[in-house]
Amino acid sequence: ISQDYGFENIQIIMVDDGSTDGSGEICDEYAQKYPDNTLVIHKENGGVSSARQRGLDESIGEYTIHADPDDWVEPEMLDELYKKAKEEDADMVICDFICEYKTGSVVCEQNVKNCNSESILKQMFSQQLPGMCWNKLIRRECYCKYNVSFPKDIIRWEDLYVICSLLMQPIRVTYLP
């Protein structure tokens, strides 16, 4: 909601995956406050993969990114990622992120050495790059074009599975420190 973006159309999809902690009501409050660009989906608990896929299925934007409940997004993040994607006609933009610990914050620089898919896959499997989707802006049509979806039977590292599935396709990747 607090993004500084140079484009007007942003869609925020909040998926309440059968939560019992009041999260669904908080989502509804945001949707009432910001009805023009928010969508809330209440569904029976199916796990993180089904929640991510449901949000993706409902999305209509040119690019997508996922944020988990324990994530935050800097106000300029989406604008900067989108500009980089458009500048380079990229299907995926990888960015750095910050990890918060009790002892303080750590900037996790991704240091993408080469933006070709094979190189990025090698860096992921040698644990130089993480495979999560919350630091990657992805062209939505790539999911459909290459028949990539979040697998229902995987309950952990579903994002790594999807990112690797996309990287095995001829997509254009770039990096934004």
C-alpha atoms as a PDB file:
ATOM      1  CA  ILE A   1       0.000   0.000   0.000  1.00  0.00           C
ATOM      2  CA  SER A   2       2.844   2.405   0.817  1.00  0.00           C
ATOM      3  CA  GLN A   3       4.818   1.764  -2.368  1.00  0.00           C
ATOM      4  CA  ASP A   4       6.285   4.774  -4.160  1.00  0.00           C
ATOM      5  CA  TYR A   5       5.645   3.722  -7.695  1.00  0.00           C
ATOM      6  CA  GLY A   6       5.689   5.547 -10.960  1.00  0.00           C
ATOM      7  CA  PHE A   7       2.844   3.471 -12.363  1.00  0.00           C
ATOM      8  CA  GLU A   8      -0.773   3.592 -11.308  1.00  0.00           C
ATOM      9  CA  ASN A   9      -1.950   0.016 -11.616  1.00  0.00           C
ATOM     10  CA  ILE A  10      -0.846  -2.205  -8.778  1.00  0.00           C
ATOM     11  CA  GLN A  11      -2.844  -5.170  -7.587  1.00  0.00           C
ATOM     12  CA  ILE A  12      -2.321  -6.461  -4.067  1.00  0.00           C
ATOM     13  CA  ILE A  13      -3.709  -9.941  -3.487  1.00  0.00           C
ATOM     14  CA  MET A  14      -3.948 -11.196   0.078  1.00  0.00           C
ATOM     15  CA  VAL A  15      -4.608 -14.909   0.438  1.00  0.00           C
ATOM     16  CA  ASP A  16      -6.073 -16.012   3.760  1.00  0.00           C
ATOM     17  CA  ASP A  17      -5.215 -19.706   3.725  1.00  0.00           C
ATOM     18  CA  GLY A  18      -7.680 -20.745   6.404  1.00  0.00           C
ATOM     19  CA  SER A  19      -5.951 -18.780   9.160  1.00  0.00           C
ATOM     20  CA  THR A  20      -7.363 -18.908  12.667  1.00  0.00           C
ATOM     21  CA  ASP A  21      -5.411 -15.994  14.116  1.00  0.00           C
ATOM     22  CA  GLY A  22      -7.461 -13.066  12.807  1.00  0.00           C
ATOM     23  CA  SER A  23      -5.300 -12.516   9.712  1.00  0.00           C
ATOM     24  CA  GLY A  24      -8.322 -12.811   7.444  1.00  0.00           C
ATOM     25  CA  GLU A  25     -10.088  -9.987   9.237  1.00  0.00           C
ATOM     26  CA  ILE A  26      -6.987  -7.786   8.927  1.00  0.00           C
ATOM     27  CA  CYS A  27      -6.926  -8.519   5.181  1.00  0.00           C
ATOM     28  CA  ASP A  28     -10.608  -7.561   4.944  1.00  0.00           C
ATOM     29  CA  GLU A  29      -9.890  -4.251   6.724  1.00  0.00           C
ATOM     30  CA  TYR A  30      -7.185  -3.397   4.194  1.00  0.00           C
ATOM     31  CA  ALA A  31      -9.449  -4.348   1.302  1.00  0.00           C
ATOM     32  CA  GLN A  32     -12.171  -2.037   2.638  1.00  0.00           C
ATOM     33  CA  LYS A  33      -9.663   0.801   3.106  1.00  0.00           C
ATOM     34  CA  TYR A  34      -8.080   0.334  -0.345  1.00  0.00           C
ATOM     35  CA  PRO A  35     -10.785  -1.201  -2.544  1.00  0.00           C
ATOM     36  CA  ASP A  36      -9.299  -0.038  -5.844  1.00  0.00           C
ATOM     37  CA  ASN A  37      -6.147  -2.158  -5.740  1.00  0.00           C
ATOM     38  CA  THR A  38      -6.637  -4.931  -3.184  1.00  0.00           C
ATOM     39  CA  LEU A  39      -8.210  -8.343  -3.415  1.00  0.00           C
ATOM     40  CA  VAL A  40      -8.712 -10.742  -0.522  1.00  0.00           C
ATOM     41  CA  ILE A  41      -9.124 -14.448  -1.101  1.00  0.00           C
ATOM     42  CA  HIS A  42     -10.391 -16.553   1.795  1.00  0.00           C
ATOM     43  CA  LYS A  43      -9.795 -20.240   1.223  1.00  0.00           C
ATOM     44  CA  GLU A  44      -9.624 -23.477   3.140  1.00  0.00           C
ATOM     45  CA  ASN A  45      -6.125 -24.202   4.416  1.00  0.00           C
ATOM     46  CA  GLY A  46      -4.135 -25.876   1.687  1.00  0.00           C
ATOM     47  CA  GLY A  47      -0.613 -24.789   2.539  1.00  0.00           C
ATOM     48  CA  VAL A  48       1.784 -22.245   1.143  1.00  0.00           C
ATOM     49  CA  SER A  49       1.914 -23.724  -2.376  1.00  0.00           C
ATOM     50  CA  SER A  50      -1.849 -23.621  -2.864  1.00  0.00           C
ATOM     51  CA  ALA A  51      -2.002 -20.097  -1.407  1.00  0.00           C
ATOM     52  CA  ARG A  52       0.740 -18.836  -3.734  1.00  0.00           C
ATOM     53  CA  GLN A  53      -0.871 -20.531  -6.737  1.00  0.00           C
ATOM     54  CA  ARG A  54      -4.326 -19.167  -5.923  1.00  0.00           C
ATOM     55  CA  GLY A  55      -2.919 -15.635  -5.734  1.00  0.00           C
ATOM     56  CA  LEU A  56      -1.079 -16.152  -9.005  1.00  0.00           C
ATOM     57  CA  ASP A  57      -4.230 -17.536 -10.667  1.00  0.00           C
ATOM     58  CA  GLU A  58      -6.161 -14.421  -9.644  1.00  0.00           C
ATOM     59  CA  SER A  59      -3.451 -11.966 -10.677  1.00  0.00           C
ATOM     60  CA  ILE A  60      -3.842  -9.802 -13.748  1.00  0.00           C
ATOM     61  CA  GLY A  61      -0.630  -7.745 -13.675  1.00  0.00           C
ATOM     62  CA  GLU A  62       2.268  -7.834 -16.074  1.00  0.00           C
ATOM     63  CA  TYR A  63       4.673  -8.843 -13.283  1.00  0.00           C
ATOM     64  CA  THR A  64       4.215 -10.618  -9.967  1.00  0.00           C
ATOM     65  CA  ILE A  65       6.108 -10.899  -6.706  1.00  0.00           C
ATOM     66  CA  HIS A  66       5.244 -12.755  -3.519  1.00  0.00           C
ATOM     67  CA  ALA A  67       5.526 -11.414   0.011  1.00  0.00           C
ATOM     68  CA  ASP A  68       5.171 -13.709   2.990  1.00  0.00           C
ATOM     69  CA  PRO A  69       3.625 -12.658   6.325  1.00  0.00           C
ATOM     70  CA  ASP A  70       7.073 -12.181   7.867  1.00  0.00           C
ATOM     71  CA  ASP A  71       8.372  -9.987   4.997  1.00  0.00           C
ATOM     72  CA  TRP A  72       8.345  -6.273   4.488  1.00  0.00           C
ATOM     73  CA  VAL A  73       8.781  -4.340   1.279  1.00  0.00           C
ATOM     74  CA  GLU A  74      10.740  -1.096   1.071  1.00  0.00           C
ATOM     75  CA  PRO A  75       8.625   1.774  -0.347  1.00  0.00           C
ATOM     76  CA  GLU A  76      10.654   2.003  -3.570  1.00  0.00           C
ATOM     77  CA  MET A  77      11.135  -1.732  -4.160  1.00  0.00           C
ATOM     78  CA  LEU A  78       8.421  -2.436  -6.711  1.00  0.00           C
ATOM     79  CA  ASP A  79       9.060   0.722  -8.712  1.00  0.00           C
ATOM     80  CA  GLU A  80      12.784  -0.006  -8.957  1.00  0.00           C
ATOM     81  CA  LEU A  81      12.253  -3.655  -9.876  1.00  0.00           C
ATOM     82  CA  TYR A  82       9.641  -2.756 -12.477  1.00  0.00           C
ATOM     83  CA  LYS A  83      11.836  -0.085 -14.065  1.00  0.00           C
ATOM     84  CA  LYS A  84      14.736  -2.556 -14.284  1.00  0.00           C
ATOM     85  CA  ALA A  85      12.459  -5.195 -15.826  1.00  0.00           C
ATOM     86  CA  LYS A  86      11.197  -2.749 -18.453  1.00  0.00           C
ATOM     87  CA  GLU A  87      14.691  -1.338 -19.196  1.00  0.00           C
ATOM     88  CA  GLU A  88      16.061  -4.787 -19.951  1.00  0.00           C
ATOM     89  CA  ASP A  89      12.882  -6.495 -21.126  1.00  0.00           C
ATOM     90  CA  ALA A  90      13.517  -9.017 -18.348  1.00  0.00           C
ATOM     91  CA  ASP A  91      11.272 -11.905 -17.393  1.00  0.00           C
ATOM     92  CA  MET A  92      12.827 -12.082 -13.917  1.00  0.00           C
ATOM     93  CA  VAL A  93      14.570  -9.458 -11.808  1.00  0.00           C
ATOM     94  CA  ILE A  94      16.532 -10.665  -8.783  1.00  0.00           C
ATOM     95  CA  CYS A  95      17.280  -8.183  -5.990  1.00  0.00           C
ATOM     96  CA  ASP A  96      19.166  -8.001  -2.712  1.00  0.00           C
ATOM     97  CA  PHE A  97      17.297  -8.180   0.592  1.00  0.00           C
ATOM     98  CA  ILE A  98      17.731  -7.489   4.286  1.00  0.00           C
ATOM     99  CA  CYS A  99      17.561 -10.123   7.017  1.00  0.00           C
ATOM    100  CA  GLU A 100      16.532  -8.995  10.478  1.00  0.00           C
ATOM    101  CA  TYR A 101      18.001 -10.731  13.506  1.00  0.00           C
ATOM    102  CA  LYS A 102      17.838  -9.979  17.220  1.00  0.00           C
ATOM    103  CA  THR A 103      21.406  -8.723  16.906  1.00  0.00           C
ATOM    104  CA  GLY A 104      20.643  -6.396  13.972  1.00  0.00           C
ATOM    105  CA  SER A 105      20.108  -6.141  10.226  1.00  0.00           C
ATOM    106  CA  VAL A 106      22.214  -7.768   7.530  1.00  0.00           C
ATOM    107  CA  VAL A 107      22.087  -6.802   3.844  1.00  0.00           C
ATOM    108  CA  CYS A 108      22.139 -10.013   1.844  1.00  0.00           C
ATOM    109  CA  GLU A 109      23.779  -9.108  -1.430  1.00  0.00           C
ATOM    110  CA  GLN A 110      22.970 -11.608  -4.142  1.00  0.00           C
ATOM    111  CA  ASN A 111      26.121 -10.954  -6.180  1.00  0.00           C
ATOM    112  CA  VAL A 112      24.671 -12.454  -9.328  1.00  0.00           C
ATOM    113  CA  LYS A 113      27.793 -13.036 -11.380  1.00  0.00           C
ATOM    114  CA  ASN A 114      26.150 -13.911 -14.654  1.00  0.00           C
ATOM    115  CA  CYS A 115      22.479 -13.416 -15.511  1.00  0.00           C
ATOM    116  CA  ASN A 116      22.039 -16.452 -17.726  1.00  0.00           C
ATOM    117  CA  SER A 117      19.681 -19.086 -16.357  1.00  0.00           C
ATOM    118  CA  GLU A 118      22.238 -21.902 -16.193  1.00  0.00           C
ATOM    119  CA  SER A 119      24.667 -19.788 -14.184  1.00  0.00           C
ATOM    120  CA  ILE A 120      21.941 -18.710 -11.748  1.00  0.00           C
ATOM    121  CA  LEU A 121      20.800 -22.315 -11.278  1.00  0.00           C
ATOM    122  CA  LYS A 122      24.388 -23.346 -10.492  1.00  0.00           C
ATOM    123  CA  GLN A 123      24.685 -20.516  -7.986  1.00  0.00           C
ATOM    124  CA  MET A 124      21.433 -21.638  -6.317  1.00  0.00           C
ATOM    125  CA  PHE A 125      22.513 -25.245  -6.056  1.00  0.00           C
ATOM    126  CA  SER A 126      25.914 -24.274  -4.682  1.00  0.00           C
ATOM    127  CA  GLN A 127      24.046 -22.168  -2.083  1.00  0.00           C
ATOM    128  CA  GLN A 128      25.438 -18.874  -3.347  1.00  0.00           C
ATOM    129  CA  LEU A 129      21.936 -17.664  -4.236  1.00  0.00           C
ATOM    130  CA  PRO A 130      18.683 -18.476  -2.430  1.00  0.00           C
ATOM    131  CA  GLY A 131      15.748 -19.727  -4.470  1.00  0.00           C
ATOM    132  CA  MET A 132      12.882 -17.941  -2.785  1.00  0.00           C
ATOM    133  CA  CYS A 133      10.377 -15.932  -4.788  1.00  0.00           C
ATOM    134  CA  TRP A 134       9.980 -12.895  -2.539  1.00  0.00           C
ATOM    135  CA  ASN A 135      13.095 -11.211  -3.961  1.00  0.00           C
ATOM    136  CA  LYS A 136      12.221 -11.885  -7.584  1.00  0.00           C
ATOM    137  CA  LEU A 137       9.894  -9.897  -9.813  1.00  0.00           C
ATOM    138  CA  ILE A 138       8.606 -12.307 -12.472  1.00  0.00           C
ATOM    139  CA  ARG A 139       6.698 -11.686 -15.691  1.00  0.00           C
ATOM    140  CA  ARG A 140       3.345 -13.340 -15.059  1.00  0.00           C
ATOM    141  CA  GLU A 141       3.005 -14.757 -18.575  1.00  0.00           C
ATOM    142  CA  CYS A 142       6.106 -16.944 -17.991  1.00  0.00           C
ATOM    143  CA  TYR A 143       4.115 -19.128 -15.595  1.00  0.00           C
ATOM    144  CA  CYS A 144       1.513 -19.830 -18.315  1.00  0.00           C
ATOM    145  CA  LYS A 145       3.851 -19.930 -21.288  1.00  0.00           C
ATOM    146  CA  TYR A 146       6.096 -22.557 -19.657  1.00  0.00           C
ATOM    147  CA  ASN A 147       3.363 -24.328 -17.672  1.00  0.00           C
ATOM    148  CA  VAL A 148       5.001 -23.592 -14.302  1.00  0.00           C
ATOM    149  CA  SER A 149       2.899 -23.684 -11.152  1.00  0.00           C
ATOM    150  CA  PHE A 150       3.365 -24.128  -7.439  1.00  0.00           C
ATOM    151  CA  PRO A 151       3.161 -27.873  -6.714  1.00  0.00           C
ATOM    152  CA  LYS A 152       0.388 -28.900  -4.335  1.00  0.00           C
ATOM    153  CA  ASP A 153       2.326 -31.798  -2.836  1.00  0.00           C
ATOM    154  CA  ILE A 154       5.405 -29.799  -1.780  1.00  0.00           C
ATOM    155  CA  ILE A 155       5.162 -28.122   1.624  1.00  0.00           C
ATOM    156  CA  ARG A 156       8.677 -26.718   1.855  1.00  0.00           C
ATOM    157  CA  TRP A 157      10.904 -24.983  -0.724  1.00  0.00           C
ATOM    158  CA  GLU A 158       8.010 -24.731  -3.156  1.00  0.00           C
ATOM    159  CA  ASP A 159       9.436 -21.414  -4.263  1.00  0.00           C
ATOM    160  CA  LEU A 160      12.813 -23.003  -5.091  1.00  0.00           C
ATOM    161  CA  TYR A 161      10.982 -25.572  -7.216  1.00  0.00           C
ATOM    162  CA  VAL A 162       9.132 -22.851  -9.141  1.00  0.00           C
ATOM    163  CA  ILE A 163      12.166 -20.591  -9.575  1.00  0.00           C
ATOM    164  CA  CYS A 164      14.227 -23.519 -10.883  1.00  0.00           C
ATOM    165  CA  SER A 165      11.388 -24.554 -13.210  1.00  0.00           C
ATOM    166  CA  LEU A 166      11.333 -21.044 -14.650  1.00  0.00           C
ATOM    167  CA  LEU A 167      15.110 -20.851 -14.931  1.00  0.00           C
ATOM    168  CA  MET A 168      15.128 -24.054 -16.984  1.00  0.00           C
ATOM    169  CA  GLN A 169      13.224 -22.102 -19.659  1.00  0.00           C
ATOM    170  CA  PRO A 170      14.659 -19.511 -22.071  1.00  0.00           C
ATOM    171  CA  ILE A 171      13.808 -16.517 -19.886  1.00  0.00           C
ATOM    172  CA  ARG A 172      15.682 -13.213 -19.623  1.00  0.00           C
ATOM    173  CA  VAL A 173      17.050 -12.574 -16.122  1.00  0.00           C
ATOM    174  CA  THR A 174      18.617  -9.461 -14.675  1.00  0.00           C
ATOM    175  CA  TYR A 175      19.908  -8.360 -11.282  1.00  0.00           C
ATOM    176  CA  LEU A 176      19.248  -5.186  -9.324  1.00  0.00           C
ATOM    177  CA  PRO A 177      21.534  -4.640  -6.339  1.00  0.00           C
END
